[in-house]
């Protein structure tokens, strides 16, 4: 399990956008939320997860605040 322990807002880096059909799934349980991404085009999620991150509720709140900042900005 890759439990997210710290979120750092990086202001020095830039994003290298890669277009494609990347698939993601989300699993929500009472104490945890999990986000998994798969290779572009792997719509059946057969080739394994590229990233697997679990959030507790506190880290999910931190992520929500960053998402709000992004959406409202």
PDB file of N, CA and C in Angstrom:
ATOM      1  N   UNK A   1       0.844  -1.176   0.000  1.00  0.00           N
ATOM      2  CA  UNK A   1       0.000   0.000   0.000  1.00  0.00           C
ATOM      3  C   UNK A   1       0.889   1.239   0.000  1.00  0.00           C
ATOM      4  N   UNK A   2       0.565   2.204  -0.821  1.00  0.00           N
ATOM      5  CA  UNK A   2       1.321   3.450  -0.910  1.00  0.00           C
ATOM      6  C   UNK A   2       0.513   4.572  -0.259  1.00  0.00           C
ATOM      7  N   UNK A   3       0.486   4.584   1.065  1.00  0.00           N
ATOM      8  CA  UNK A   3      -0.285   5.591   1.788  1.00  0.00           C
ATOM      9  C   UNK A   3       0.408   6.935   1.657  1.00  0.00           C
ATOM     10  N   UNK A   4      -0.330   7.924   1.202  1.00  0.00           N
ATOM     11  CA  UNK A   4       0.209   9.263   1.025  1.00  0.00           C
ATOM     12  C   UNK A   4       0.491   9.874   2.388  1.00  0.00           C
ATOM     13  N   UNK A   5       1.741  10.222   2.637  1.00  0.00           N
ATOM     14  CA  UNK A   5       2.135  10.761   3.926  1.00  0.00           C
ATOM     15  C   UNK A   5       2.303  12.265   3.945  1.00  0.00           C
ATOM     16  N   UNK A   6       2.563  12.863   2.780  1.00  0.00           N
ATOM     17  CA  UNK A   6       2.820  14.298   2.745  1.00  0.00           C
ATOM     18  C   UNK A   6       2.518  14.821   1.344  1.00  0.00           C
ATOM     19  N   UNK A   7       1.902  15.982   1.282  1.00  0.00           N
ATOM     20  CA  UNK A   7       1.649  16.651   0.008  1.00  0.00           C
ATOM     21  C   UNK A   7       2.478  17.928  -0.011  1.00  0.00           C
ATOM     22  N   UNK A   8       3.306  18.079  -1.026  1.00  0.00           N
ATOM     23  CA  UNK A   8       4.145  19.264  -1.172  1.00  0.00           C
ATOM     24  C   UNK A   8       3.711  19.989  -2.438  1.00  0.00           C
ATOM     25  N   UNK A   9       3.335  21.241  -2.302  1.00  0.00           N
ATOM     26  CA  UNK A   9       2.968  22.041  -3.470  1.00  0.00           C
ATOM     27  C   UNK A   9       4.249  22.584  -4.089  1.00  0.00           C
ATOM     28  N   UNK A  10       4.595  22.092  -5.248  1.00  0.00           N
ATOM     29  CA  UNK A  10       5.815  22.479  -5.948  1.00  0.00           C
ATOM     30  C   UNK A  10       5.517  23.682  -6.830  1.00  0.00           C
ATOM     31  N   UNK A  11       6.243  24.753  -6.626  1.00  0.00           N
ATOM     32  CA  UNK A  11       6.024  25.965  -7.422  1.00  0.00           C
ATOM     33  C   UNK A  11       7.145  26.194  -8.428  1.00  0.00           C
ATOM     34  N   UNK A  12       8.151  25.322  -8.449  1.00  0.00           N
ATOM     35  CA  UNK A  12       9.302  25.495  -9.328  1.00  0.00           C
ATOM     36  C   UNK A  12       9.204  24.677 -10.609  1.00  0.00           C
ATOM     37  N   UNK A  13       8.405  23.628 -10.603  1.00  0.00           N
ATOM     38  CA  UNK A  13       8.334  22.721 -11.746  1.00  0.00           C
ATOM     39  C   UNK A  13       7.230  23.124 -12.711  1.00  0.00           C
ATOM     40  N   UNK A  14       7.333  22.587 -13.927  1.00  0.00           N
ATOM     41  CA  UNK A  14       6.266  22.761 -14.904  1.00  0.00           C
ATOM     42  C   UNK A  14       5.744  21.381 -15.279  1.00  0.00           C
ATOM     43  N   UNK A  15       4.575  21.341 -15.871  1.00  0.00           N
ATOM     44  CA  UNK A  15       3.929  20.081 -16.213  1.00  0.00           C
ATOM     45  C   UNK A  15       4.152  19.781 -17.680  1.00  0.00           C
ATOM     46  N   UNK A  16       4.617  18.572 -17.961  1.00  0.00           N
ATOM     47  CA  UNK A  16       4.794  18.098 -19.323  1.00  0.00           C
ATOM     48  C   UNK A  16       3.543  17.286 -19.670  1.00  0.00           C
ATOM     49  N   UNK A  17       2.602  17.908 -20.356  1.00  0.00           N
ATOM     50  CA  UNK A  17       1.319  17.279 -20.654  1.00  0.00           C
ATOM     51  C   UNK A  17       1.488  16.267 -21.776  1.00  0.00           C
ATOM     52  N   UNK A  18       0.970  15.063 -21.528  1.00  0.00           N
ATOM     53  CA  UNK A  18       0.971  14.008 -22.542  1.00  0.00           C
ATOM     54  C   UNK A  18      -0.480  13.638 -22.822  1.00  0.00           C
ATOM     55  N   UNK A  19      -0.898  13.866 -24.041  1.00  0.00           N
ATOM     56  CA  UNK A  19      -2.269  13.555 -24.418  1.00  0.00           C
ATOM     57  C   UNK A  19      -2.442  12.046 -24.537  1.00  0.00           C
ATOM     58  N   UNK A  20      -3.604  11.552 -24.189  1.00  0.00           N
ATOM     59  CA  UNK A  20      -3.872  10.131 -24.328  1.00  0.00           C
ATOM     60  C   UNK A  20      -5.039   9.710 -23.474  1.00  0.00           C
ATOM     61  N   UNK A  21      -5.448   8.492 -23.650  1.00  0.00           N
ATOM     62  CA  UNK A  21      -6.592   7.948 -22.949  1.00  0.00           C
ATOM     63  C   UNK A  21      -6.119   7.153 -21.732  1.00  0.00           C
ATOM     64  N   UNK A  22      -5.638   7.868 -20.711  1.00  0.00           N
ATOM     65  CA  UNK A  22      -5.203   7.225 -19.480  1.00  0.00           C
ATOM     66  C   UNK A  22      -6.436   6.896 -18.654  1.00  0.00           C
ATOM     67  N   UNK A  23      -6.476   5.686 -18.128  1.00  0.00           N
ATOM     68  CA  UNK A  23      -7.614   5.211 -17.353  1.00  0.00           C
ATOM     69  C   UNK A  23      -7.289   5.333 -15.871  1.00  0.00           C
ATOM     70  N   UNK A  24      -8.301   5.665 -15.086  1.00  0.00           N
ATOM     71  CA  UNK A  24      -8.141   5.789 -13.639  1.00  0.00           C
ATOM     72  C   UNK A  24      -9.332   5.113 -12.969  1.00  0.00           C
ATOM     73  N   UNK A  25      -9.064   4.468 -11.850  1.00  0.00           N
ATOM     74  CA  UNK A  25     -10.189   4.015 -11.037  1.00  0.00           C
ATOM     75  C   UNK A  25     -10.012   4.525  -9.614  1.00  0.00           C
ATOM     76  N   UNK A  26     -11.134   4.666  -8.929  1.00  0.00           N
ATOM     77  CA  UNK A  26     -11.164   5.173  -7.558  1.00  0.00           C
ATOM     78  C   UNK A  26     -11.946   4.180  -6.714  1.00  0.00           C
ATOM     79  N   UNK A  27     -11.389   3.845  -5.541  1.00  0.00           N
ATOM     80  CA  UNK A  27     -12.069   2.985  -4.580  1.00  0.00           C
ATOM     81  C   UNK A  27     -12.236   3.797  -3.296  1.00  0.00           C
ATOM     82  N   UNK A  28     -13.462   3.871  -2.788  1.00  0.00           N
ATOM     83  CA  UNK A  28     -13.728   4.628  -1.568  1.00  0.00           C
ATOM     84  C   UNK A  28     -14.264   3.682  -0.510  1.00  0.00           C
ATOM     85  N   UNK A  29     -13.573   3.657   0.632  1.00  0.00           N
ATOM     86  CA  UNK A  29     -13.980   2.875   1.793  1.00  0.00           C
ATOM     87  C   UNK A  29     -14.189   3.847   2.953  1.00  0.00           C
ATOM     88  N   UNK A  30     -14.690   3.400   4.086  1.00  0.00           N
ATOM     89  CA  UNK A  30     -14.954   4.326   5.190  1.00  0.00           C
ATOM     90  C   UNK A  30     -13.736   5.126   5.668  1.00  0.00           C
ATOM     91  N   UNK A  31     -12.537   4.541   5.678  1.00  0.00           N
ATOM     92  CA  UNK A  31     -11.364   5.242   6.200  1.00  0.00           C
ATOM     93  C   UNK A  31     -10.326   5.589   5.145  1.00  0.00           C
ATOM     94  N   UNK A  32     -10.456   5.047   3.939  1.00  0.00           N
ATOM     95  CA  UNK A  32      -9.447   5.228   2.907  1.00  0.00           C
ATOM     96  C   UNK A  32     -10.086   5.499   1.548  1.00  0.00           C
ATOM     97  N   UNK A  33      -9.335   6.217   0.730  1.00  0.00           N
ATOM     98  CA  UNK A  33      -9.684   6.403  -0.670  1.00  0.00           C
ATOM     99  C   UNK A  33      -8.450   6.018  -1.471  1.00  0.00           C
ATOM    100  N   UNK A  34      -8.636   5.254  -2.533  1.00  0.00           N
ATOM    101  CA  UNK A  34      -7.521   4.810  -3.358  1.00  0.00           C
ATOM    102  C   UNK A  34      -7.715   5.290  -4.790  1.00  0.00           C
ATOM    103  N   UNK A  35      -6.642   5.767  -5.380  1.00  0.00           N
ATOM    104  CA  UNK A  35      -6.629   6.228  -6.764  1.00  0.00           C
ATOM    105  C   UNK A  35      -5.572   5.424  -7.503  1.00  0.00           C
ATOM    106  N   UNK A  36      -5.962   4.791  -8.605  1.00  0.00           N
ATOM    107  CA  UNK A  36      -5.031   4.019  -9.429  1.00  0.00           C
ATOM    108  C   UNK A  36      -5.130   4.497 -10.868  1.00  0.00           C
ATOM    109  N   UNK A  37      -3.975   4.668 -11.508  1.00  0.00           N
ATOM    110  CA  UNK A  37      -3.950   5.010 -12.926  1.00  0.00           C
ATOM    111  C   UNK A  37      -3.315   3.864 -13.695  1.00  0.00           C
ATOM    112  N   UNK A  38      -3.713   3.752 -14.939  1.00  0.00           N
ATOM    113  CA  UNK A  38      -3.251   2.670 -15.820  1.00  0.00           C
ATOM    114  C   UNK A  38      -2.675   3.269 -17.089  1.00  0.00           C
ATOM    115  N   UNK A  39      -1.992   2.445 -17.849  1.00  0.00           N
ATOM    116  CA  UNK A  39      -1.375   2.902 -19.097  1.00  0.00           C
ATOM    117  C   UNK A  39      -2.430   3.405 -20.072  1.00  0.00           C
ATOM    118  N   UNK A  40      -2.038   4.340 -20.903  1.00  0.00           N
ATOM    119  CA  UNK A  40      -2.944   4.859 -21.925  1.00  0.00           C
ATOM    120  C   UNK A  40      -3.494   3.716 -22.761  1.00  0.00           C
ATOM    121  N   UNK A  41      -4.800   3.715 -22.946  1.00  0.00           N
ATOM    122  CA  UNK A  41      -5.453   2.709 -23.770  1.00  0.00           C
ATOM    123  C   UNK A  41      -5.801   1.424 -23.042  1.00  0.00           C
ATOM    124  N   UNK A  42      -5.377   1.265 -21.799  1.00  0.00           N
ATOM    125  CA  UNK A  42      -5.659   0.035 -21.045  1.00  0.00           C
ATOM    126  C   UNK A  42      -7.029   0.159 -20.376  1.00  0.00           C
ATOM    127  N   UNK A  43      -8.067   0.300 -21.193  1.00  0.00           N
ATOM    128  CA  UNK A  43      -9.403   0.559 -20.670  1.00  0.00           C
ATOM    129  C   UNK A  43      -9.962  -0.612 -19.855  1.00  0.00           C
ATOM    130  N   UNK A  44      -9.435  -1.798 -20.050  1.00  0.00           N
ATOM    131  CA  UNK A  44      -9.883  -2.959 -19.269  1.00  0.00           C
ATOM    132  C   UNK A  44      -9.028  -3.179 -18.024  1.00  0.00           C
ATOM    133  N   UNK A  45      -8.038  -2.312 -17.812  1.00  0.00           N
ATOM    134  CA  UNK A  45      -7.155  -2.354 -16.643  1.00  0.00           C
ATOM    135  C   UNK A  45      -6.507  -3.731 -16.481  1.00  0.00           C
ATOM    136  N   UNK A  46      -5.976  -4.243 -17.564  1.00  0.00           N
ATOM    137  CA  UNK A  46      -5.387  -5.589 -17.577  1.00  0.00           C
ATOM    138  C   UNK A  46      -3.875  -5.584 -17.445  1.00  0.00           C
ATOM    139  N   UNK A  47      -3.231  -4.451 -17.685  1.00  0.00           N
ATOM    140  CA  UNK A  47      -1.759  -4.417 -17.714  1.00  0.00           C
ATOM    141  C   UNK A  47      -1.145  -3.939 -16.406  1.00  0.00           C
ATOM    142  N   UNK A  48      -1.930  -3.820 -15.365  1.00  0.00           N
ATOM    143  CA  UNK A  48      -1.391  -3.414 -14.066  1.00  0.00           C
ATOM    144  C   UNK A  48      -1.405  -1.918 -13.855  1.00  0.00           C
ATOM    145  N   UNK A  49      -1.438  -1.540 -12.604  1.00  0.00           N
ATOM    146  CA  UNK A  49      -1.504  -0.140 -12.220  1.00  0.00           C
ATOM    147  C   UNK A  49      -0.147   0.525 -12.349  1.00  0.00           C
ATOM    148  N   UNK A  50      -0.144   1.736 -12.901  1.00  0.00           N
ATOM    149  CA  UNK A  50       1.078   2.526 -12.991  1.00  0.00           C
ATOM    150  C   UNK A  50       1.341   3.260 -11.676  1.00  0.00           C
ATOM    151  N   UNK A  51       0.308   3.779 -11.077  1.00  0.00           N
ATOM    152  CA  UNK A  51       0.398   4.467  -9.793  1.00  0.00           C
ATOM    153  C   UNK A  51      -0.741   4.002  -8.912  1.00  0.00           C
ATOM    154  N   UNK A  52      -0.472   3.861  -7.645  1.00  0.00           N
ATOM    155  CA  UNK A  52      -1.461   3.376  -6.697  1.00  0.00           C
ATOM    156  C   UNK A  52      -1.266   4.180  -5.422  1.00  0.00           C
ATOM    157  N   UNK A  53      -2.178   5.096  -5.128  1.00  0.00           N
ATOM    158  CA  UNK A  53      -2.023   5.995  -3.990  1.00  0.00           C
ATOM    159  C   UNK A  53      -3.263   5.897  -3.104  1.00  0.00           C
ATOM    160  N   UNK A  54      -3.040   5.745  -1.804  1.00  0.00           N
ATOM    161  CA  UNK A  54      -4.138   5.727  -0.844  1.00  0.00           C
ATOM    162  C   UNK A  54      -4.090   7.002   0.000  1.00  0.00           C
ATOM    163  N   UNK A  55      -5.271   7.556   0.236  1.00  0.00           N
ATOM    164  CA  UNK A  55      -5.423   8.763   1.036  1.00  0.00           C
ATOM    165  C   UNK A  55      -6.220   8.429   2.288  1.00  0.00           C
ATOM    166  N   UNK A  56      -5.773   8.935   3.447  1.00  0.00           N
ATOM    167  CA  UNK A  56      -6.670   8.934   4.593  1.00  0.00           C
ATOM    168  C   UNK A  56      -7.518  10.208   4.472  1.00  0.00           C
ATOM    169  N   UNK A  57      -8.433  10.414   5.386  1.00  0.00           N
ATOM    170  CA  UNK A  57      -9.344  11.563   5.251  1.00  0.00           C
ATOM    171  C   UNK A  57      -8.623  12.902   5.349  1.00  0.00           C
ATOM    172  N   UNK A  58      -7.590  12.990   6.187  1.00  0.00           N
ATOM    173  CA  UNK A  58      -6.855  14.251   6.306  1.00  0.00           C
ATOM    174  C   UNK A  58      -6.134  14.590   5.006  1.00  0.00           C
ATOM    175  N   UNK A  59      -5.470  13.617   4.396  1.00  0.00           N
ATOM    176  CA  UNK A  59      -4.777  13.879   3.129  1.00  0.00           C
ATOM    177  C   UNK A  59      -5.769  14.157   2.011  1.00  0.00           C
ATOM    178  N   UNK A  60      -6.921  13.522   2.049  1.00  0.00           N
ATOM    179  CA  UNK A  60      -7.962  13.796   1.054  1.00  0.00           C
ATOM    180  C   UNK A  60      -8.444  15.244   1.181  1.00  0.00           C
ATOM    181  N   UNK A  61      -8.548  15.753   2.414  1.00  0.00           N
ATOM    182  CA  UNK A  61      -8.942  17.154   2.620  1.00  0.00           C
ATOM    183  C   UNK A  61      -7.876  18.104   2.083  1.00  0.00           C
ATOM    184  N   UNK A  62      -6.602  17.762   2.310  1.00  0.00           N
ATOM    185  CA  UNK A  62      -5.518  18.581   1.767  1.00  0.00           C
ATOM    186  C   UNK A  62      -5.567  18.592   0.243  1.00  0.00           C
ATOM    187  N   UNK A  63      -5.785  17.434  -0.354  1.00  0.00           N
ATOM    188  CA  UNK A  63      -5.891  17.348  -1.808  1.00  0.00           C
ATOM    189  C   UNK A  63      -7.097  18.142  -2.300  1.00  0.00           C
ATOM    190  N   UNK A  64      -8.218  18.051  -1.604  1.00  0.00           N
ATOM    191  CA  UNK A  64      -9.410  18.811  -1.988  1.00  0.00           C
ATOM    192  C   UNK A  64      -9.117  20.313  -1.987  1.00  0.00           C
ATOM    193  N   UNK A  65      -8.389  20.793  -0.977  1.00  0.00           N
ATOM    194  CA  UNK A  65      -8.052  22.215  -0.926  1.00  0.00           C
ATOM    195  C   UNK A  65      -7.205  22.617  -2.136  1.00  0.00           C
ATOM    196  N   UNK A  66      -6.248  21.769  -2.507  1.00  0.00           N
ATOM    197  CA  UNK A  66      -5.431  22.056  -3.687  1.00  0.00           C
ATOM    198  C   UNK A  66      -6.249  22.006  -4.965  1.00  0.00           C
ATOM    199  N   UNK A  67      -7.168  21.058  -5.052  1.00  0.00           N
ATOM    200  CA  UNK A  67      -8.047  20.972  -6.225  1.00  0.00           C
ATOM    201  C   UNK A  67      -8.945  22.208  -6.317  1.00  0.00           C
ATOM    202  N   UNK A  68      -9.469  22.667  -5.172  1.00  0.00           N
ATOM    203  CA  UNK A  68     -10.279  23.901  -5.167  1.00  0.00           C
ATOM    204  C   UNK A  68      -9.462  25.090  -5.650  1.00  0.00           C
ATOM    205  N   UNK A  69      -8.211  25.168  -5.201  1.00  0.00           N
ATOM    206  CA  UNK A  69      -7.335  26.258  -5.627  1.00  0.00           C
ATOM    207  C   UNK A  69      -7.118  26.204  -7.140  1.00  0.00           C
ATOM    208  N   UNK A  70      -6.914  24.999  -7.667  1.00  0.00           N
ATOM    209  CA  UNK A  70      -6.716  24.819  -9.108  1.00  0.00           C
ATOM    210  C   UNK A  70      -7.983  25.189  -9.888  1.00  0.00           C
ATOM    211  N   UNK A  71      -9.123  24.696  -9.433  1.00  0.00           N
ATOM    212  CA  UNK A  71     -10.384  24.922 -10.147  1.00  0.00           C
ATOM    213  C   UNK A  71     -10.781  26.387 -10.108  1.00  0.00           C
ATOM    214  N   UNK A  72     -10.592  27.033  -8.974  1.00  0.00           N
ATOM    215  CA  UNK A  72     -11.015  28.426  -8.805  1.00  0.00           C
ATOM    216  C   UNK A  72     -10.001  29.425  -9.338  1.00  0.00           C
ATOM    217  N   UNK A  73      -8.790  28.946  -9.642  1.00  0.00           N
ATOM    218  CA  UNK A  73      -7.697  29.851 -10.014  1.00  0.00           C
ATOM    219  C   UNK A  73      -7.669  30.294 -11.399  1.00  0.00           C
TER     220      UNK A  73
END
